[in-house]
Amino acid sequence: MHWNNYLACFFSGLFLANAVPHYVKGVCGDKFPTPFAKPPGIGLSSAIVNTLWGLLNIVIGYVLFRAGKLATGDTLALSLFFVGIAVISVQLSLHFTKKHAQ
């Protein structure tokens, strides 16, 4: 595979993991920070904005998943996919922990 397929695998993991909190909060009817809030990433966005943002992340993650050819069984591709998930998960947990401290 080419380097761009591996990059797609990494970003697929990022987008799919990022979709989870936004989609779950949105369908639960809860407000949650998004890039569209004021201030971005800190203020709270409505449930519908979170649902739509989560769905957009799912679509982008799926497109990148297909572009990365993750279904081929390439160990490096799969590893990069999970590294992407881990990177955004840790970053989001640190970021959203701070929102409760305000």
N, C-alpha and C. Protein backbone atom coordinates (compact mmCIF):
# COMPACT_ATOMS: atom_id res chain seq x y z
N MET A 1 0.85 -1.19 0.00
CA MET A 1 0.00 0.00 0.00
C MET A 1 0.88 1.24 0.00
N HIS A 2 0.31 2.33 -0.45
CA HIS A 2 1.00 3.61 -0.48
C HIS A 2 0.87 4.31 0.87
N TRP A 3 1.74 5.30 1.12
CA TRP A 3 1.74 6.04 2.38
C TRP A 3 0.40 6.72 2.63
N ASN A 4 -0.28 7.17 1.55
CA ASN A 4 -1.56 7.87 1.75
C ASN A 4 -2.65 6.93 2.26
N ASN A 5 -2.54 5.63 1.95
CA ASN A 5 -3.51 4.68 2.51
C ASN A 5 -3.31 4.55 4.02
N TYR A 6 -2.06 4.54 4.44
CA TYR A 6 -1.77 4.45 5.87
C TYR A 6 -2.22 5.72 6.61
N LEU A 7 -2.04 6.85 5.97
CA LEU A 7 -2.50 8.11 6.56
C LEU A 7 -4.03 8.09 6.69
N ALA A 8 -4.71 7.57 5.69
CA ALA A 8 -6.17 7.45 5.74
C ALA A 8 -6.59 6.54 6.89
N CYS A 9 -5.86 5.48 7.14
CA CYS A 9 -6.17 4.57 8.25
C CYS A 9 -6.10 5.29 9.59
N PHE A 10 -5.02 6.06 9.77
CA PHE A 10 -4.85 6.82 11.02
C PHE A 10 -6.00 7.79 11.22
N PHE A 11 -6.31 8.59 10.20
CA PHE A 11 -7.37 9.59 10.33
C PHE A 11 -8.75 8.97 10.40
N SER A 12 -8.93 7.80 9.82
CA SER A 12 -10.19 7.09 9.97
C SER A 12 -10.45 6.79 11.45
N GLY A 13 -9.42 6.31 12.14
CA GLY A 13 -9.55 6.05 13.57
C GLY A 13 -9.86 7.31 14.35
N LEU A 14 -9.21 8.42 13.99
CA LEU A 14 -9.48 9.70 14.66
C LEU A 14 -10.94 10.10 14.52
N PHE A 15 -11.42 10.12 13.28
CA PHE A 15 -12.79 10.58 13.04
C PHE A 15 -13.83 9.65 13.65
N LEU A 16 -13.63 8.34 13.55
CA LEU A 16 -14.62 7.41 14.10
C LEU A 16 -14.67 7.48 15.62
N ALA A 17 -13.52 7.62 16.27
CA ALA A 17 -13.52 7.74 17.74
C ALA A 17 -14.12 9.08 18.17
N ASN A 18 -13.86 10.14 17.42
CA ASN A 18 -14.41 11.45 17.75
C ASN A 18 -15.92 11.48 17.57
N ALA A 19 -16.45 10.64 16.71
CA ALA A 19 -17.90 10.61 16.48
C ALA A 19 -18.65 10.13 17.72
N VAL A 20 -18.05 9.24 18.47
CA VAL A 20 -18.76 8.57 19.57
C VAL A 20 -19.33 9.55 20.60
N PRO A 21 -18.52 10.42 21.24
CA PRO A 21 -19.11 11.27 22.29
C PRO A 21 -20.14 12.26 21.73
N HIS A 22 -19.88 12.78 20.54
CA HIS A 22 -20.82 13.76 19.98
C HIS A 22 -22.15 13.11 19.60
N TYR A 23 -22.08 11.96 18.97
CA TYR A 23 -23.32 11.27 18.57
C TYR A 23 -24.11 10.81 19.80
N VAL A 24 -23.42 10.23 20.76
CA VAL A 24 -24.11 9.73 21.96
C VAL A 24 -24.74 10.88 22.73
N LYS A 25 -24.00 11.95 22.97
CA LYS A 25 -24.58 13.10 23.68
C LYS A 25 -25.75 13.68 22.90
N GLY A 26 -25.59 13.75 21.58
CA GLY A 26 -26.65 14.32 20.75
C GLY A 26 -27.94 13.52 20.81
N VAL A 27 -27.84 12.20 20.63
CA VAL A 27 -29.06 11.39 20.63
C VAL A 27 -29.65 11.27 22.02
N CYS A 28 -28.86 11.55 23.05
CA CYS A 28 -29.38 11.56 24.42
C CYS A 28 -30.03 12.90 24.77
N GLY A 29 -29.91 13.87 23.85
CA GLY A 29 -30.51 15.18 24.08
C GLY A 29 -29.68 16.11 24.93
N ASP A 30 -28.41 15.79 25.10
CA ASP A 30 -27.53 16.59 25.96
C ASP A 30 -26.70 17.59 25.14
N LYS A 31 -26.40 18.72 25.76
CA LYS A 31 -25.47 19.67 25.16
C LYS A 31 -24.06 19.18 25.42
N PHE A 32 -23.16 19.52 24.48
CA PHE A 32 -21.78 19.07 24.58
C PHE A 32 -20.92 19.97 23.70
N PRO A 33 -19.65 20.19 24.07
CA PRO A 33 -18.80 21.08 23.26
C PRO A 33 -18.56 20.54 21.84
N THR A 34 -18.57 21.44 20.88
CA THR A 34 -18.20 21.14 19.50
C THR A 34 -17.34 22.29 18.99
N PRO A 35 -16.77 22.13 17.80
CA PRO A 35 -16.01 23.24 17.22
C PRO A 35 -16.90 24.43 16.85
N PHE A 36 -18.22 24.26 16.86
CA PHE A 36 -19.13 25.32 16.47
C PHE A 36 -19.65 26.13 17.65
N ALA A 37 -19.30 25.72 18.87
CA ALA A 37 -19.74 26.43 20.07
C ALA A 37 -18.93 27.71 20.24
N LYS A 38 -19.40 28.56 21.13
CA LYS A 38 -18.68 29.79 21.45
C LYS A 38 -18.26 29.72 22.91
N PRO A 39 -17.00 29.69 23.23
CA PRO A 39 -15.83 29.54 22.37
C PRO A 39 -15.73 28.11 21.83
N PRO A 40 -15.13 27.96 20.65
CA PRO A 40 -15.05 26.64 20.01
C PRO A 40 -14.39 25.59 20.90
N GLY A 41 -15.04 24.44 21.00
CA GLY A 41 -14.49 23.34 21.78
C GLY A 41 -14.66 23.47 23.26
N ILE A 42 -15.19 24.60 23.72
CA ILE A 42 -15.35 24.83 25.16
C ILE A 42 -16.82 25.06 25.50
N GLY A 43 -17.46 25.96 24.75
CA GLY A 43 -18.88 26.22 24.95
C GLY A 43 -19.70 25.00 24.56
N LEU A 44 -20.97 25.03 24.91
CA LEU A 44 -21.84 23.89 24.64
C LEU A 44 -22.68 24.11 23.38
N SER A 45 -22.77 23.07 22.57
CA SER A 45 -23.63 23.09 21.39
C SER A 45 -24.87 22.26 21.68
N SER A 46 -25.92 22.52 20.92
CA SER A 46 -27.18 21.81 21.13
C SER A 46 -27.04 20.33 20.76
N ALA A 47 -28.05 19.57 21.17
CA ALA A 47 -28.06 18.13 20.88
C ALA A 47 -28.08 17.86 19.38
N ILE A 48 -28.83 18.66 18.62
CA ILE A 48 -28.91 18.43 17.18
C ILE A 48 -27.57 18.72 16.51
N VAL A 49 -26.87 19.76 16.95
CA VAL A 49 -25.55 20.05 16.40
C VAL A 49 -24.59 18.90 16.70
N ASN A 50 -24.65 18.36 17.91
CA ASN A 50 -23.79 17.23 18.26
C ASN A 50 -24.13 15.98 17.46
N THR A 51 -25.41 15.73 17.26
CA THR A 51 -25.81 14.57 16.46
C THR A 51 -25.30 14.70 15.03
N LEU A 52 -25.50 15.87 14.44
CA LEU A 52 -25.04 16.09 13.06
C LEU A 52 -23.51 16.04 12.97
N TRP A 53 -22.82 16.61 13.95
CA TRP A 53 -21.36 16.58 13.96
C TRP A 53 -20.87 15.14 14.11
N GLY A 54 -21.52 14.37 14.96
CA GLY A 54 -21.17 12.96 15.11
C GLY A 54 -21.39 12.18 13.82
N LEU A 55 -22.52 12.42 13.16
CA LEU A 55 -22.80 11.74 11.89
C LEU A 55 -21.80 12.12 10.81
N LEU A 56 -21.42 13.38 10.75
CA LEU A 56 -20.42 13.81 9.77
C LEU A 56 -19.08 13.12 10.04
N ASN A 57 -18.71 13.01 11.30
CA ASN A 57 -17.48 12.31 11.65
C ASN A 57 -17.55 10.83 11.25
N ILE A 58 -18.71 10.21 11.39
CA ILE A 58 -18.88 8.82 10.98
C ILE A 58 -18.70 8.68 9.47
N VAL A 59 -19.32 9.57 8.72
CA VAL A 59 -19.20 9.52 7.26
C VAL A 59 -17.75 9.71 6.82
N ILE A 60 -17.08 10.72 7.37
CA ILE A 60 -15.68 10.96 7.01
C ILE A 60 -14.81 9.78 7.42
N GLY A 61 -15.03 9.26 8.62
CA GLY A 61 -14.26 8.11 9.09
C GLY A 61 -14.47 6.89 8.21
N TYR A 62 -15.70 6.68 7.76
CA TYR A 62 -16.00 5.53 6.88
C TYR A 62 -15.31 5.69 5.53
N VAL A 63 -15.38 6.90 4.96
CA VAL A 63 -14.73 7.15 3.67
C VAL A 63 -13.23 6.91 3.79
N LEU A 64 -12.64 7.39 4.88
CA LEU A 64 -11.20 7.18 5.10
C LEU A 64 -10.89 5.71 5.37
N PHE A 65 -11.80 5.02 6.04
CA PHE A 65 -11.64 3.58 6.29
C PHE A 65 -11.54 2.83 4.97
N ARG A 66 -12.44 3.19 4.05
CA ARG A 66 -12.42 2.56 2.71
C ARG A 66 -11.16 2.96 1.94
N ALA A 67 -10.78 4.22 2.01
CA ALA A 67 -9.60 4.71 1.30
C ALA A 67 -8.33 4.06 1.84
N GLY A 68 -8.32 3.77 3.13
CA GLY A 68 -7.17 3.15 3.76
C GLY A 68 -7.07 1.66 3.49
N LYS A 69 -8.11 1.09 2.89
CA LYS A 69 -8.14 -0.34 2.56
C LYS A 69 -7.88 -1.20 3.79
N LEU A 70 -8.55 -0.85 4.88
CA LEU A 70 -8.35 -1.57 6.14
C LEU A 70 -8.82 -3.01 6.08
N ALA A 71 -9.74 -3.32 5.20
CA ALA A 71 -10.28 -4.67 5.13
C ALA A 71 -9.30 -5.67 4.52
N THR A 72 -8.16 -5.20 4.02
CA THR A 72 -7.19 -6.11 3.39
C THR A 72 -6.41 -6.95 4.40
N GLY A 73 -6.47 -6.59 5.67
CA GLY A 73 -5.77 -7.35 6.70
C GLY A 73 -4.33 -6.91 6.91
N ASP A 74 -3.95 -5.77 6.38
CA ASP A 74 -2.59 -5.23 6.54
C ASP A 74 -2.40 -4.85 8.02
N THR A 75 -1.43 -5.46 8.67
CA THR A 75 -1.20 -5.23 10.10
C THR A 75 -0.81 -3.79 10.40
N LEU A 76 0.02 -3.18 9.55
CA LEU A 76 0.41 -1.80 9.77
C LEU A 76 -0.79 -0.87 9.64
N ALA A 77 -1.64 -1.11 8.66
CA ALA A 77 -2.83 -0.29 8.47
C ALA A 77 -3.75 -0.39 9.68
N LEU A 78 -3.97 -1.60 10.15
CA LEU A 78 -4.83 -1.80 11.31
C LEU A 78 -4.22 -1.17 12.56
N SER A 79 -2.91 -1.28 12.70
CA SER A 79 -2.22 -0.66 13.85
C SER A 79 -2.37 0.85 13.83
N LEU A 80 -2.20 1.45 12.66
CA LEU A 80 -2.36 2.91 12.54
C LEU A 80 -3.79 3.34 12.82
N PHE A 81 -4.75 2.53 12.41
CA PHE A 81 -6.16 2.80 12.71
C PHE A 81 -6.37 2.88 14.22
N PHE A 82 -5.84 1.90 14.95
CA PHE A 82 -6.01 1.88 16.40
C PHE A 82 -5.17 2.95 17.10
N VAL A 83 -4.02 3.32 16.52
CA VAL A 83 -3.24 4.43 17.06
C VAL A 83 -4.04 5.72 16.93
N GLY A 84 -4.72 5.90 15.79
CA GLY A 84 -5.58 7.07 15.60
C GLY A 84 -6.68 7.14 16.65
N ILE A 85 -7.29 5.99 16.92
CA ILE A 85 -8.33 5.93 17.96
C ILE A 85 -7.74 6.30 19.32
N ALA A 86 -6.58 5.75 19.64
CA ALA A 86 -5.95 6.01 20.94
C ALA A 86 -5.56 7.47 21.08
N VAL A 87 -4.98 8.05 20.04
CA VAL A 87 -4.53 9.45 20.10
C VAL A 87 -5.70 10.39 20.39
N ILE A 88 -6.78 10.27 19.61
CA ILE A 88 -7.91 11.19 19.80
C ILE A 88 -8.62 10.90 21.12
N SER A 89 -8.67 9.64 21.53
CA SER A 89 -9.35 9.30 22.78
C SER A 89 -8.65 9.93 23.98
N VAL A 90 -7.33 9.82 24.02
CA VAL A 90 -6.57 10.41 25.12
C VAL A 90 -6.69 11.93 25.08
N GLN A 91 -6.55 12.51 23.88
CA GLN A 91 -6.63 13.97 23.74
C GLN A 91 -8.00 14.48 24.17
N LEU A 92 -9.06 13.81 23.75
CA LEU A 92 -10.41 14.24 24.13
C LEU A 92 -10.65 14.08 25.62
N SER A 93 -10.15 13.00 26.21
CA SER A 93 -10.36 12.81 27.65
C SER A 93 -9.67 13.92 28.44
N LEU A 94 -8.48 14.32 28.01
CA LEU A 94 -7.79 15.42 28.69
C LEU A 94 -8.51 16.74 28.48
N HIS A 95 -8.97 16.99 27.26
CA HIS A 95 -9.66 18.24 26.95
C HIS A 95 -10.99 18.34 27.70
N PHE A 96 -11.78 17.28 27.69
CA PHE A 96 -13.10 17.37 28.31
C PHE A 96 -13.05 17.25 29.82
N THR A 97 -11.96 16.77 30.38
CA THR A 97 -11.77 16.80 31.83
C THR A 97 -11.68 18.24 32.29
N LYS A 98 -11.04 19.08 31.49
CA LYS A 98 -10.89 20.49 31.84
C LYS A 98 -12.23 21.22 31.84
N LYS A 99 -13.19 20.77 31.04
CA LYS A 99 -14.49 21.46 30.99
C LYS A 99 -15.24 21.34 32.31
N HIS A 100 -14.98 20.27 33.05
CA HIS A 100 -15.64 20.10 34.34
C HIS A 100 -14.97 20.91 35.44
N ALA A 101 -13.74 21.34 35.20
CA ALA A 101 -13.00 22.11 36.20
C ALA A 101 -13.36 23.60 36.16
N GLN A 102 -14.12 24.02 35.16
CA GLN A 102 -14.44 25.46 35.01
C GLN A 102 -15.52 25.90 35.96
